C-alpha atoms as a PDB file:
ATOM      1  CA  UNK A   1     222.756 139.841  40.367  1.00  0.00           C
ATOM      2  CA  UNK A   2     219.676 139.655  42.551  1.00  0.00           C
ATOM      3  CA  UNK A   3     216.177 139.094  41.174  1.00  0.00           C
ATOM      4  CA  UNK A   4     215.435 142.728  42.084  1.00  0.00           C
ATOM      5  CA  UNK A   5     218.035 144.302  39.792  1.00  0.00           C
ATOM      6  CA  UNK A   6     216.265 146.401  37.175  1.00  0.00           C
ATOM      7  CA  UNK A   7     216.289 144.869  33.678  1.00  0.00           C
ATOM      8  CA  UNK A   8     217.104 148.303  32.278  1.00  0.00           C
ATOM      9  CA  UNK A   9     220.688 147.609  33.390  1.00  0.00           C
ATOM     10  CA  UNK A  10     220.831 144.057  32.051  1.00  0.00           C
ATOM     11  CA  UNK A  11     223.390 144.970  29.365  1.00  0.00           C
ATOM     12  CA  UNK A  12     225.433 147.337  31.543  1.00  0.00           C
ATOM     13  CA  UNK A  13     229.166 146.659  31.470  1.00  0.00           C
ATOM     14  CA  UNK A  14     230.688 148.407  34.510  1.00  0.00           C
ATOM     15  CA  UNK A  15     233.995 150.226  34.349  1.00  0.00           C
ATOM     16  CA  UNK A  16     236.947 148.090  35.416  1.00  0.00           C
ATOM     17  CA  UNK A  17     239.334 150.000  37.705  1.00  0.00           C
ATOM     18  CA  UNK A  18     243.031 149.231  37.799  1.00  0.00           C
ATOM     19  CA  UNK A  19     244.123 146.479  40.138  1.00  0.00           C
ATOM     20  CA  UNK A  20     244.742 147.312  43.778  1.00  0.00           C
ATOM     21  CA  UNK A  21     246.160 143.985  45.058  1.00  0.00           C
ATOM     22  CA  UNK A  22     247.343 143.686  48.633  1.00  0.00           C
ATOM     23  CA  UNK A  23     248.900 140.214  48.712  1.00  0.00           C
ATOM     24  CA  UNK A  24     252.425 141.610  48.255  1.00  0.00           C
ATOM     25  CA  UNK A  25     254.313 144.890  47.931  1.00  0.00           C
ATOM     26  CA  UNK A  26     254.212 145.934  44.289  1.00  0.00           C
ATOM     27  CA  UNK A  27     255.825 148.700  42.293  1.00  0.00           C
ATOM     28  CA  UNK A  28     252.505 150.152  41.209  1.00  0.00           C
ATOM     29  CA  UNK A  29     252.620 151.466  37.658  1.00  0.00           C
ATOM     30  CA  UNK A  30     249.077 150.595  36.601  1.00  0.00           C
ATOM     31  CA  UNK A  31     246.647 153.331  37.667  1.00  0.00           C
ATOM     32  CA  UNK A  32     248.402 156.577  36.714  1.00  0.00           C
ATOM     33  CA  UNK A  33     248.686 157.831  40.281  1.00  0.00           C
ATOM     34  CA  UNK A  34     251.409 160.271  41.214  1.00  0.00           C
ATOM     35  CA  UNK A  35     254.474 158.676  42.808  1.00  0.00           C
ATOM     36  CA  UNK A  36     254.727 161.748  45.039  1.00  0.00           C
ATOM     37  CA  UNK A  37     252.682 162.497  48.170  1.00  0.00           C
ATOM     38  CA  UNK A  38     250.303 165.459  48.319  1.00  0.00           C
ATOM     39  CA  UNK A  39     251.709 168.874  49.084  1.00  0.00           C
ATOM     40  CA  UNK A  40     252.511 169.417  52.751  1.00  0.00           C
ATOM     41  CA  UNK A  41     250.098 172.344  52.664  1.00  0.00           C
ATOM     42  CA  UNK A  42     247.363 170.014  51.417  1.00  0.00           C
ATOM     43  CA  UNK A  43     248.040 167.502  54.181  1.00  0.00           C
ATOM     44  CA  UNK A  44     248.014 170.204  56.869  1.00  0.00           C
ATOM     45  CA  UNK A  45     244.766 171.713  55.582  1.00  0.00           C
ATOM     46  CA  UNK A  46     243.047 168.321  55.409  1.00  0.00           C
ATOM     47  CA  UNK A  47     244.140 167.426  58.944  1.00  0.00           C
ATOM     48  CA  UNK A  48     242.756 170.712  60.223  1.00  0.00           C
ATOM     49  CA  UNK A  49     239.446 170.139  58.429  1.00  0.00           C
ATOM     50  CA  UNK A  50     239.103 166.716  60.077  1.00  0.00           C
ATOM     51  CA  UNK A  51     238.311 168.437  63.375  1.00  0.00           C
ATOM     52  CA  UNK A  52     234.953 169.620  61.959  1.00  0.00           C
ATOM     53  CA  UNK A  53     233.720 166.481  60.231  1.00  0.00           C
ATOM     54  CA  UNK A  54     230.558 166.505  62.339  1.00  0.00           C
ATOM     55  CA  UNK A  55     229.385 169.334  60.059  1.00  0.00           C
ATOM     56  CA  UNK A  56     228.366 169.133  56.433  1.00  0.00           C
ATOM     57  CA  UNK A  57     230.857 170.345  53.878  1.00  0.00           C
ATOM     58  CA  UNK A  58     230.221 173.653  52.107  1.00  0.00           C
ATOM     59  CA  UNK A  59     227.899 172.805  49.173  1.00  0.00           C
ATOM     60  CA  UNK A  60     229.189 175.831  47.251  1.00  0.00           C
ATOM     61  CA  UNK A  61     232.843 174.801  47.827  1.00  0.00           C
ATOM     62  CA  UNK A  62     233.424 178.555  47.966  1.00  0.00           C
ATOM     63  CA  UNK A  63     236.971 178.861  49.284  1.00  0.00           C
ATOM     64  CA  UNK A  64     238.459 176.217  46.987  1.00  0.00           C
ATOM     65  CA  UNK A  65     236.364 177.294  44.008  1.00  0.00           C
ATOM     66  CA  UNK A  66     237.612 180.890  44.303  1.00  0.00           C
ATOM     67  CA  UNK A  67     241.227 179.721  44.626  1.00  0.00           C
ATOM     68  CA  UNK A  68     240.848 177.479  41.589  1.00  0.00           C
ATOM     69  CA  UNK A  69     239.163 180.211  39.543  1.00  0.00           C
ATOM     70  CA  UNK A  70     242.081 182.539  40.330  1.00  0.00           C
ATOM     71  CA  UNK A  71     244.560 179.851  39.289  1.00  0.00           C
ATOM     72  CA  UNK A  72     242.731 179.278  35.994  1.00  0.00           C
ATOM     73  CA  UNK A  73     242.045 182.992  35.363  1.00  0.00           C
ATOM     74  CA  UNK A  74     238.290 182.472  35.111  1.00  0.00           C
ATOM     75  CA  UNK A  75     235.303 183.621  37.171  1.00  0.00           C
ATOM     76  CA  UNK A  76     234.165 181.496  40.149  1.00  0.00           C
ATOM     77  CA  UNK A  77     230.790 180.844  38.495  1.00  0.00           C
ATOM     78  CA  UNK A  78     232.643 179.359  35.520  1.00  0.00           C
ATOM     79  CA  UNK A  79     233.950 176.506  37.707  1.00  0.00           C
ATOM     80  CA  UNK A  80     232.254 173.538  39.366  1.00  0.00           C
ATOM     81  CA  UNK A  81     234.096 171.266  41.807  1.00  0.00           C
ATOM     82  CA  UNK A  82     233.031 167.627  41.953  1.00  0.00           C
ATOM     83  CA  UNK A  83     233.777 164.269  43.515  1.00  0.00           C
ATOM     84  CA  UNK A  84     236.552 163.412  41.087  1.00  0.00           C
ATOM     85  CA  UNK A  85     236.402 164.272  37.397  1.00  0.00           C
ATOM     86  CA  UNK A  86     234.243 161.176  36.889  1.00  0.00           C
ATOM     87  CA  UNK A  87     231.375 163.023  38.553  1.00  0.00           C
ATOM     88  CA  UNK A  88     231.620 166.117  36.346  1.00  0.00           C
ATOM     89  CA  UNK A  89     231.764 163.828  33.300  1.00  0.00           C
ATOM     90  CA  UNK A  90     228.662 161.965  34.443  1.00  0.00           C
ATOM     91  CA  UNK A  91     226.906 165.289  35.053  1.00  0.00           C
ATOM     92  CA  UNK A  92     227.747 166.251  31.459  1.00  0.00           C
ATOM     93  CA  UNK A  93     226.233 163.048  30.095  1.00  0.00           C
ATOM     94  CA  UNK A  94     223.105 163.684  32.177  1.00  0.00           C
ATOM     95  CA  UNK A  95     222.807 167.365  31.283  1.00  0.00           C
ATOM     96  CA  UNK A  96     223.751 167.483  27.617  1.00  0.00           C
ATOM     97  CA  UNK A  97     222.712 164.112  26.133  1.00  0.00           C
ATOM     98  CA  UNK A  98     219.270 162.626  25.486  1.00  0.00           C
ATOM     99  CA  UNK A  99     217.360 160.581  22.917  1.00  0.00           C
ATOM    100  CA  UNK A 100     217.733 163.398  20.384  1.00  0.00           C
ATOM    101  CA  UNK A 101     221.352 164.278  21.233  1.00  0.00           C
ATOM    102  CA  UNK A 102     223.575 161.211  21.523  1.00  0.00           C
ATOM    103  CA  UNK A 103     227.053 161.147  22.999  1.00  0.00           C
ATOM    104  CA  UNK A 104     230.043 160.648  20.706  1.00  0.00           C
ATOM    105  CA  UNK A 105     233.539 159.478  21.616  1.00  0.00           C
ATOM    106  CA  UNK A 106     236.454 157.435  20.311  1.00  0.00           C
ATOM    107  CA  UNK A 107     236.631 153.653  20.251  1.00  0.00           C
ATOM    108  CA  UNK A 108     239.895 153.691  22.205  1.00  0.00           C
ATOM    109  CA  UNK A 109     239.603 156.191  25.034  1.00  0.00           C
ATOM    110  CA  UNK A 110     238.619 156.472  28.695  1.00  0.00           C
ATOM    111  CA  UNK A 111     236.480 153.416  29.420  1.00  0.00           C
ATOM    112  CA  UNK A 112     233.985 155.267  31.595  1.00  0.00           C
ATOM    113  CA  UNK A 113     232.411 157.167  28.663  1.00  0.00           C
ATOM    114  CA  UNK A 114     230.481 154.151  27.416  1.00  0.00           C
ATOM    115  CA  UNK A 115     229.492 153.263  30.991  1.00  0.00           C
ATOM    116  CA  UNK A 116     228.084 156.754  31.609  1.00  0.00           C
ATOM    117  CA  UNK A 117     226.093 156.519  28.381  1.00  0.00           C
ATOM    118  CA  UNK A 118     224.740 153.072  29.251  1.00  0.00           C
ATOM    119  CA  UNK A 119     223.800 153.773  32.859  1.00  0.00           C
ATOM    120  CA  UNK A 120     221.961 156.932  31.803  1.00  0.00           C
ATOM    121  CA  UNK A 121     220.226 155.015  28.980  1.00  0.00           C
ATOM    122  CA  UNK A 122     221.636 157.335  26.339  1.00  0.00           C
ATOM    123  CA  UNK A 123     222.396 156.630  22.690  1.00  0.00           C
ATOM    124  CA  UNK A 124     226.032 157.010  21.701  1.00  0.00           C
ATOM    125  CA  UNK A 125     228.312 156.943  18.664  1.00  0.00           C
ATOM    126  CA  UNK A 126     231.708 155.257  18.608  1.00  0.00           C
ATOM    127  CA  UNK A 127     234.273 156.956  16.347  1.00  0.00           C
ATOM    128  CA  UNK A 128     237.335 154.825  15.502  1.00  0.00           C
ATOM    129  CA  UNK A 129     240.781 156.297  15.927  1.00  0.00           C
ATOM    130  CA  UNK A 130     243.090 156.134  12.908  1.00  0.00           C
ATOM    131  CA  UNK A 131     245.507 153.231  12.598  1.00  0.00           C
ATOM    132  CA  UNK A 132     248.193 155.221  14.431  1.00  0.00           C
ATOM    133  CA  UNK A 133     245.721 155.884  17.291  1.00  0.00           C
ATOM    134  CA  UNK A 134     245.387 159.571  16.469  1.00  0.00           C
ATOM    135  CA  UNK A 135     242.063 161.373  16.128  1.00  0.00           C
ATOM    136  CA  UNK A 136     240.948 162.514  12.699  1.00  0.00           C
ATOM    137  CA  UNK A 137     239.358 165.835  13.642  1.00  0.00           C
ATOM    138  CA  UNK A 138     237.203 165.718  10.530  1.00  0.00           C
ATOM    139  CA  UNK A 139     235.393 162.710  11.989  1.00  0.00           C
ATOM    140  CA  UNK A 140     234.013 165.053  14.659  1.00  0.00           C
ATOM    141  CA  UNK A 141     232.640 167.778  12.395  1.00  0.00           C
ATOM    142  CA  UNK A 142     228.868 168.338  12.424  1.00  0.00           C
ATOM    143  CA  UNK A 143     228.000 165.280  14.475  1.00  0.00           C
ATOM    144  CA  UNK A 144     224.809 166.674  16.064  1.00  0.00           C
ATOM    145  CA  UNK A 145     226.012 164.980  19.232  1.00  0.00           C
ATOM    146  CA  UNK A 146     227.607 165.857  22.543  1.00  0.00           C
ATOM    147  CA  UNK A 147     231.286 165.143  21.952  1.00  0.00           C
ATOM    148  CA  UNK A 148     233.643 163.753  24.591  1.00  0.00           C
ATOM    149  CA  UNK A 149     237.378 163.865  23.864  1.00  0.00           C
ATOM    150  CA  UNK A 150     240.089 162.895  26.342  1.00  0.00           C
ATOM    151  CA  UNK A 151     242.991 165.204  25.541  1.00  0.00           C
ATOM    152  CA  UNK A 152     245.634 163.876  25.939  1.00  0.00           C
ATOM    153  CA  UNK A 153     243.860 160.608  25.272  1.00  0.00           C
ATOM    154  CA  UNK A 154     243.973 157.553  27.492  1.00  0.00           C
ATOM    155  CA  UNK A 155     245.322 154.949  27.139  1.00  0.00           C
ATOM    156  CA  UNK A 156     247.210 156.155  24.045  1.00  0.00           C
ATOM    157  CA  UNK A 157     248.692 159.316  25.596  1.00  0.00           C
ATOM    158  CA  UNK A 158     248.351 161.240  22.318  1.00  0.00           C
ATOM    159  CA  UNK A 159     247.310 164.910  22.422  1.00  0.00           C
ATOM    160  CA  UNK A 160     245.477 167.198  20.027  1.00  0.00           C
ATOM    161  CA  UNK A 161     246.541 170.822  19.785  1.00  0.00           C
ATOM    162  CA  UNK A 162     244.316 173.639  21.002  1.00  0.00           C
ATOM    163  CA  UNK A 163     243.851 174.716  17.383  1.00  0.00           C
ATOM    164  CA  UNK A 164     242.518 171.263  16.491  1.00  0.00           C
ATOM    165  CA  UNK A 165     240.061 171.358  19.392  1.00  0.00           C
ATOM    166  CA  UNK A 166     238.975 174.838  18.373  1.00  0.00           C
ATOM    167  CA  UNK A 167     238.190 173.585  14.875  1.00  0.00           C
ATOM    168  CA  UNK A 168     235.950 170.880  16.358  1.00  0.00           C
ATOM    169  CA  UNK A 169     234.198 173.530  18.464  1.00  0.00           C
ATOM    170  CA  UNK A 170     233.611 175.681  15.406  1.00  0.00           C
ATOM    171  CA  UNK A 171     232.163 172.767  13.441  1.00  0.00           C
ATOM    172  CA  UNK A 172     229.700 171.886  16.234  1.00  0.00           C
ATOM    173  CA  UNK A 173     228.233 175.262  17.301  1.00  0.00           C
ATOM    174  CA  UNK A 174     224.937 173.764  18.477  1.00  0.00           C
ATOM    175  CA  UNK A 175     226.386 170.978  20.607  1.00  0.00           C
ATOM    176  CA  UNK A 176     228.529 170.801  23.715  1.00  0.00           C
ATOM    177  CA  UNK A 177     232.093 169.592  23.304  1.00  0.00           C
ATOM    178  CA  UNK A 178     233.604 168.136  26.475  1.00  0.00           C
ATOM    179  CA  UNK A 179     237.409 168.090  26.639  1.00  0.00           C
ATOM    180  CA  UNK A 180     238.642 165.778  29.381  1.00  0.00           C
ATOM    181  CA  UNK A 181     242.056 167.108  30.436  1.00  0.00           C
ATOM    182  CA  UNK A 182     242.924 164.654  33.193  1.00  0.00           C
ATOM    183  CA  UNK A 183     246.535 164.478  31.925  1.00  0.00           C
ATOM    184  CA  UNK A 184     247.015 167.928  30.453  1.00  0.00           C
ATOM    185  CA  UNK A 185     249.674 169.015  32.960  1.00  0.00           C
ATOM    186  CA  UNK A 186     252.201 166.522  31.571  1.00  0.00           C
ATOM    187  CA  UNK A 187     252.647 168.134  28.178  1.00  0.00           C
ATOM    188  CA  UNK A 188     249.222 168.866  26.721  1.00  0.00           C
ATOM    189  CA  UNK A 189     247.759 172.244  25.781  1.00  0.00           C
ATOM    190  CA  UNK A 190     244.781 173.225  27.933  1.00  0.00           C
ATOM    191  CA  UNK A 191     241.600 174.518  26.313  1.00  0.00           C
ATOM    192  CA  UNK A 192     240.477 176.417  29.434  1.00  0.00           C
ATOM    193  CA  UNK A 193     241.272 179.792  27.778  1.00  0.00           C
ATOM    194  CA  UNK A 194     238.739 178.964  25.045  1.00  0.00           C
ATOM    195  CA  UNK A 195     235.737 178.973  27.400  1.00  0.00           C
ATOM    196  CA  UNK A 196     235.564 182.775  27.037  1.00  0.00           C
ATOM    197  CA  UNK A 197     235.186 182.349  23.283  1.00  0.00           C
ATOM    198  CA  UNK A 198     232.940 179.291  22.966  1.00  0.00           C
ATOM    199  CA  UNK A 199     229.742 178.771  24.945  1.00  0.00           C
ATOM    200  CA  UNK A 200     229.652 175.101  23.879  1.00  0.00           C
ATOM    201  CA  UNK A 201     232.952 174.141  25.534  1.00  0.00           C
ATOM    202  CA  UNK A 202     233.241 172.266  28.828  1.00  0.00           C
ATOM    203  CA  UNK A 203     236.740 171.427  30.060  1.00  0.00           C
ATOM    204  CA  UNK A 204     237.181 168.868  32.831  1.00  0.00           C
ATOM    205  CA  UNK A 205     240.270 168.257  34.938  1.00  0.00           C
ATOM    206  CA  UNK A 206     241.240 166.362  38.070  1.00  0.00           C
ATOM    207  CA  UNK A 207     243.414 166.707  41.158  1.00  0.00           C
ATOM    208  CA  UNK A 208     244.207 162.970  40.968  1.00  0.00           C
ATOM    209  CA  UNK A 209     247.222 162.969  38.644  1.00  0.00           C
ATOM    210  CA  UNK A 210     249.453 166.051  38.610  1.00  0.00           C
ATOM    211  CA  UNK A 211     248.196 167.276  41.980  1.00  0.00           C
ATOM    212  CA  UNK A 212     248.821 163.981  43.869  1.00  0.00           C
ATOM    213  CA  UNK A 213     245.273 163.649  45.236  1.00  0.00           C
ATOM    214  CA  UNK A 214     243.878 160.463  43.664  1.00  0.00           C
ATOM    215  CA  UNK A 215     242.656 159.194  47.023  1.00  0.00           C
ATOM    216  CA  UNK A 216     240.889 162.442  47.897  1.00  0.00           C
ATOM    217  CA  UNK A 217     238.586 162.430  44.839  1.00  0.00           C
ATOM    218  CA  UNK A 218     238.475 166.002  43.569  1.00  0.00           C
ATOM    219  CA  UNK A 219     237.738 167.078  40.016  1.00  0.00           C
ATOM    220  CA  UNK A 220     236.211 170.064  38.291  1.00  0.00           C
ATOM    221  CA  UNK A 221     234.608 171.442  35.184  1.00  0.00           C
ATOM    222  CA  UNK A 222     235.237 174.817  33.544  1.00  0.00           C
ATOM    223  CA  UNK A 223     232.831 176.417  31.095  1.00  0.00           C
ATOM    224  CA  UNK A 224     230.670 179.462  30.471  1.00  0.00           C
ATOM    225  CA  UNK A 225     228.351 180.467  33.286  1.00  0.00           C
ATOM    226  CA  UNK A 226     225.282 178.983  31.610  1.00  0.00           C
ATOM    227  CA  UNK A 227     226.904 175.547  31.214  1.00  0.00           C
ATOM    228  CA  UNK A 228     228.051 175.550  34.836  1.00  0.00           C
ATOM    229  CA  UNK A 229     224.524 176.542  35.912  1.00  0.00           C
ATOM    230  CA  UNK A 230     223.206 173.505  34.009  1.00  0.00           C
ATOM    231  CA  UNK A 231     225.648 171.233  35.794  1.00  0.00           C
ATOM    232  CA  UNK A 232     224.820 172.780  39.158  1.00  0.00           C
ATOM    233  CA  UNK A 233     221.170 171.903  38.521  1.00  0.00           C
ATOM    234  CA  UNK A 234     222.246 168.272  38.199  1.00  0.00           C
ATOM    235  CA  UNK A 235     224.499 168.478  41.248  1.00  0.00           C
ATOM    236  CA  UNK A 236     221.845 169.988  43.516  1.00  0.00           C
ATOM    237  CA  UNK A 237     219.354 167.372  42.292  1.00  0.00           C
ATOM    238  CA  UNK A 238     221.630 164.468  43.188  1.00  0.00           C
ATOM    239  CA  UNK A 239     224.153 165.296  45.927  1.00  0.00           C
ATOM    240  CA  UNK A 240     224.541 168.926  47.068  1.00  0.00           C
ATOM    241  CA  UNK A 241     227.358 168.013  49.493  1.00  0.00           C
ATOM    242  CA  UNK A 242     229.292 166.167  46.826  1.00  0.00           C
ATOM    243  CA  UNK A 243     232.821 167.104  47.955  1.00  0.00           C
ATOM    244  CA  UNK A 244     233.819 166.345  51.549  1.00  0.00           C
ATOM    245  CA  UNK A 245     235.426 168.901  53.847  1.00  0.00           C
ATOM    246  CA  UNK A 246     238.853 167.279  54.034  1.00  0.00           C
ATOM    247  CA  UNK A 247     239.076 167.008  50.253  1.00  0.00           C
ATOM    248  CA  UNK A 248     238.058 170.633  49.808  1.00  0.00           C
ATOM    249  CA  UNK A 249     240.708 171.688  52.313  1.00  0.00           C
ATOM    250  CA  UNK A 250     243.380 169.530  50.679  1.00  0.00           C
ATOM    251  CA  UNK A 251     242.463 170.979  47.293  1.00  0.00           C
ATOM    252  CA  UNK A 252     242.842 174.498  48.647  1.00  0.00           C
ATOM    253  CA  UNK A 253     246.220 173.617  50.171  1.00  0.00           C
ATOM    254  CA  UNK A 254     247.378 172.190  46.845  1.00  0.00           C
ATOM    255  CA  UNK A 255     246.369 175.356  45.003  1.00  0.00           C
ATOM    256  CA  UNK A 256     248.404 177.355  47.543  1.00  0.00           C
ATOM    257  CA  UNK A 257     251.502 175.345  46.623  1.00  0.00           C
ATOM    258  CA  UNK A 258     251.785 175.546  42.806  1.00  0.00           C
ATOM    259  CA  UNK A 259     255.575 175.241  42.780  1.00  0.00           C
ATOM    260  CA  UNK A 260     255.334 171.778  44.356  1.00  0.00           C
ATOM    261  CA  UNK A 261     252.914 170.597  41.659  1.00  0.00           C
ATOM    262  CA  UNK A 262     255.012 172.122  38.882  1.00  0.00           C
ATOM    263  CA  UNK A 263     258.201 170.479  40.167  1.00  0.00           C
ATOM    264  CA  UNK A 264     256.527 167.065  40.361  1.00  0.00           C
ATOM    265  CA  UNK A 265     255.187 167.405  36.814  1.00  0.00           C
ATOM    266  CA  UNK A 266     258.644 168.358  35.555  1.00  0.00           C
ATOM    267  CA  UNK A 267     260.174 165.303  37.225  1.00  0.00           C
ATOM    268  CA  UNK A 268     257.522 162.964  35.839  1.00  0.00           C
ATOM    269  CA  UNK A 269     258.014 164.339  32.313  1.00  0.00           C
ATOM    270  CA  UNK A 270     261.781 163.838  32.639  1.00  0.00           C
ATOM    271  CA  UNK A 271     261.275 160.287  33.932  1.00  0.00           C
ATOM    272  CA  UNK A 272     258.840 159.580  31.096  1.00  0.00           C
ATOM    273  CA  UNK A 273     261.323 160.649  28.437  1.00  0.00           C
ATOM    274  CA  UNK A 274     264.219 158.747  30.024  1.00  0.00           C
ATOM    275  CA  UNK A 275     262.107 155.602  30.350  1.00  0.00           C
ATOM    276  CA  UNK A 276     260.852 155.909  26.763  1.00  0.00           C
ATOM    277  CA  UNK A 277     264.436 156.140  25.536  1.00  0.00           C
ATOM    278  CA  UNK A 278     265.444 153.050  27.523  1.00  0.00           C
ATOM    279  CA  UNK A 279     262.430 151.067  26.304  1.00  0.00           C
ATOM    280  CA  UNK A 280     263.242 151.978  22.704  1.00  0.00           C
ATOM    281  CA  UNK A 281     266.771 150.616  23.215  1.00  0.00           C
ATOM    282  CA  UNK A 282     265.112 147.333  24.244  1.00  0.00           C
ATOM    283  CA  UNK A 283     263.084 147.262  21.039  1.00  0.00           C
ATOM    284  CA  UNK A 284     259.792 148.704  22.251  1.00  0.00           C
ATOM    285  CA  UNK A 285     257.490 150.809  20.104  1.00  0.00           C
ATOM    286  CA  UNK A 286     255.274 153.442  21.710  1.00  0.00           C
ATOM    287  CA  UNK A 287     253.020 156.372  21.061  1.00  0.00           C
ATOM    288  CA  UNK A 288     254.048 159.994  21.587  1.00  0.00           C
ATOM    289  CA  UNK A 289     252.751 160.318  25.125  1.00  0.00           C
ATOM    290  CA  UNK A 290     251.946 163.698  26.671  1.00  0.00           C
ATOM    291  CA  UNK A 291     250.740 162.107  29.894  1.00  0.00           C
ATOM    292  CA  UNK A 292     252.153 160.503  33.039  1.00  0.00           C
ATOM    293  CA  UNK A 293     252.197 157.099  31.362  1.00  0.00           C
ATOM    294  CA  UNK A 294     253.681 155.297  28.361  1.00  0.00           C
ATOM    295  CA  UNK A 295     251.738 153.112  25.926  1.00  0.00           C
ATOM    296  CA  UNK A 296     254.199 150.549  24.628  1.00  0.00           C
ATOM    297  CA  UNK A 297     254.525 147.221  22.851  1.00  0.00           C
ATOM    298  CA  UNK A 298     257.382 144.902  21.924  1.00  0.00           C
ATOM    299  CA  UNK A 299     257.487 142.892  18.676  1.00  0.00           C
ATOM    300  CA  UNK A 300     258.718 139.779  20.480  1.00  0.00           C
ATOM    301  CA  UNK A 301     256.574 139.971  23.632  1.00  0.00           C
ATOM    302  CA  UNK A 302     252.872 139.298  23.898  1.00  0.00           C
ATOM    303  CA  UNK A 303     251.241 142.212  25.730  1.00  0.00           C
ATOM    304  CA  UNK A 304     249.314 140.105  28.204  1.00  0.00           C
ATOM    305  CA  UNK A 305     252.226 137.750  28.802  1.00  0.00           C
ATOM    306  CA  UNK A 306     254.495 140.686  29.642  1.00  0.00           C
ATOM    307  CA  UNK A 307     251.894 142.158  31.991  1.00  0.00           C
ATOM    308  CA  UNK A 308     251.548 138.818  33.798  1.00  0.00           C
ATOM    309  CA  UNK A 309     255.297 138.245  34.033  1.00  0.00           C
ATOM    310  CA  UNK A 310     255.897 141.734  35.415  1.00  0.00           C
ATOM    311  CA  UNK A 311     253.152 141.167  37.961  1.00  0.00           C
ATOM    312  CA  UNK A 312     254.752 137.883  39.006  1.00  0.00           C
ATOM    313  CA  UNK A 313     257.969 139.809  39.594  1.00  0.00           C
ATOM    314  CA  UNK A 314     256.281 142.537  41.632  1.00  0.00           C
ATOM    315  CA  UNK A 315     255.552 145.247  39.056  1.00  0.00           C
ATOM    316  CA  UNK A 316     252.011 146.198  38.060  1.00  0.00           C
ATOM    317  CA  UNK A 317     251.237 147.723  34.661  1.00  0.00           C
ATOM    318  CA  UNK A 318     247.858 147.984  32.907  1.00  0.00           C
ATOM    319  CA  UNK A 319     246.863 145.636  30.098  1.00  0.00           C
ATOM    320  CA  UNK A 320     243.679 146.081  28.052  1.00  0.00           C
ATOM    321  CA  UNK A 321     242.400 142.873  26.516  1.00  0.00           C
ATOM    322  CA  UNK A 322     240.737 144.544  23.545  1.00  0.00           C
ATOM    323  CA  UNK A 323     241.603 143.717  19.916  1.00  0.00           C
ATOM    324  CA  UNK A 324     243.269 146.916  18.651  1.00  0.00           C
ATOM    325  CA  UNK A 325     245.473 147.434  21.696  1.00  0.00           C
ATOM    326  CA  UNK A 326     245.998 143.961  23.179  1.00  0.00           C
ATOM    327  CA  UNK A 327     249.696 143.993  22.227  1.00  0.00           C
ATOM    328  CA  UNK A 328     250.268 147.158  24.281  1.00  0.00           C
ATOM    329  CA  UNK A 329     250.691 147.846  27.982  1.00  0.00           C
ATOM    330  CA  UNK A 330     250.089 151.164  29.692  1.00  0.00           C
ATOM    331  CA  UNK A 331     252.910 151.974  32.087  1.00  0.00           C
ATOM    332  CA  UNK A 332     252.526 154.716  34.672  1.00  0.00           C
ATOM    333  CA  UNK A 333     255.605 156.884  35.122  1.00  0.00           C
ATOM    334  CA  UNK A 334     256.877 156.589  38.671  1.00  0.00           C
ATOM    335  CA  UNK A 335     260.027 157.667  40.436  1.00  0.00           C
ATOM    336  CA  UNK A 336     263.380 157.340  38.696  1.00  0.00           C
ATOM    337  CA  UNK A 337     264.180 154.360  40.954  1.00  0.00           C
ATOM    338  CA  UNK A 338     260.897 152.633  40.085  1.00  0.00           C
ATOM    339  CA  UNK A 339     261.478 153.135  36.373  1.00  0.00           C
ATOM    340  CA  UNK A 340     265.033 151.822  36.606  1.00  0.00           C
ATOM    341  CA  UNK A 341     263.683 148.672  38.291  1.00  0.00           C
ATOM    342  CA  UNK A 342     261.105 148.323  35.513  1.00  0.00           C
ATOM    343  CA  UNK A 343     263.750 148.580  32.790  1.00  0.00           C
ATOM    344  CA  UNK A 344     266.050 146.100  34.539  1.00  0.00           C
ATOM    345  CA  UNK A 345     263.187 143.639  34.999  1.00  0.00           C
ATOM    346  CA  UNK A 346     262.072 143.860  31.365  1.00  0.00           C
ATOM    347  CA  UNK A 347     265.679 143.453  30.233  1.00  0.00           C
ATOM    348  CA  UNK A 348     265.931 140.285  32.311  1.00  0.00           C
ATOM    349  CA  UNK A 349     262.683 138.931  30.809  1.00  0.00           C
ATOM    350  CA  UNK A 350     263.973 139.582  27.292  1.00  0.00           C
ATOM    351  CA  UNK A 351     267.319 137.924  28.038  1.00  0.00           C
ATOM    352  CA  UNK A 352     265.571 134.845  29.429  1.00  0.00           C
ATOM    353  CA  UNK A 353     263.500 134.522  26.271  1.00  0.00           C
ATOM    354  CA  UNK A 354     266.459 134.979  23.910  1.00  0.00           C
END
């Protein structure tokens, strides 16, 4: 760091993104991207929008916002589009947390939550998951904090039911509860319908996973009109033109092609279940994932050693070098061919160690 870097960030631990190595051609199963390209309608819309890049994007994101609101069966002023779901999450930390209202989230969850709290100089509470990596909903009752729950959770892949989330909402009537649904389209139960019932609920989602737009950076929040107005105050005080024109157009094209998204999700779920079954035959243990990834460990393979050996053989998975989960690897679900190669490679590693 330079001598000019503010000491207020001296303890900041930045988020570590998944590897994006370029030295060889990898089967990339480490960052939970879709193995499928964006919808053709999304690509066509983005290409058309490129012709007007000399102009600012629409700060209201009107066309895409209205299409998304129709898809979600909510009002347009109950939706806010952002530069990836990371931005809407950061807005929530800025808007709903302060010295008197800390953030609260699990010890094993999306790594950006602690970063958002630190960079905004906010107090926060860490709530341990149970031994089986599930959330004890009772741990979230009456916290007097802004609660952030990834549902399904990452990297565990485990989902709470809508009824469980609703109980947390009921037990925290005076605090915002943020439900991060980045992976909800792969088997989770969305809480978007609950925004009409609870004014303390903010649901966030992304176009990165199920909608094949990780590189475009488009996310959104859904909540009552007052919550969205709060978040718009943050947006217009930081970056009014937060979503670029090509991304907005691609998002609109994606929303016009729901069958494509649904078919891709169905295929990924099928590939997930087939891969899980094959890994279990090889002796792996794993959580009950409702996402586009598996969280797995093997009793005879060190988690980091397996990650490194797979990388050496051209397959990237994600390893987290933290105590409770260091024996696990998070494996993105790719195409059937990619998953078959993964299984064959792991089988070969096991045979060599026998």
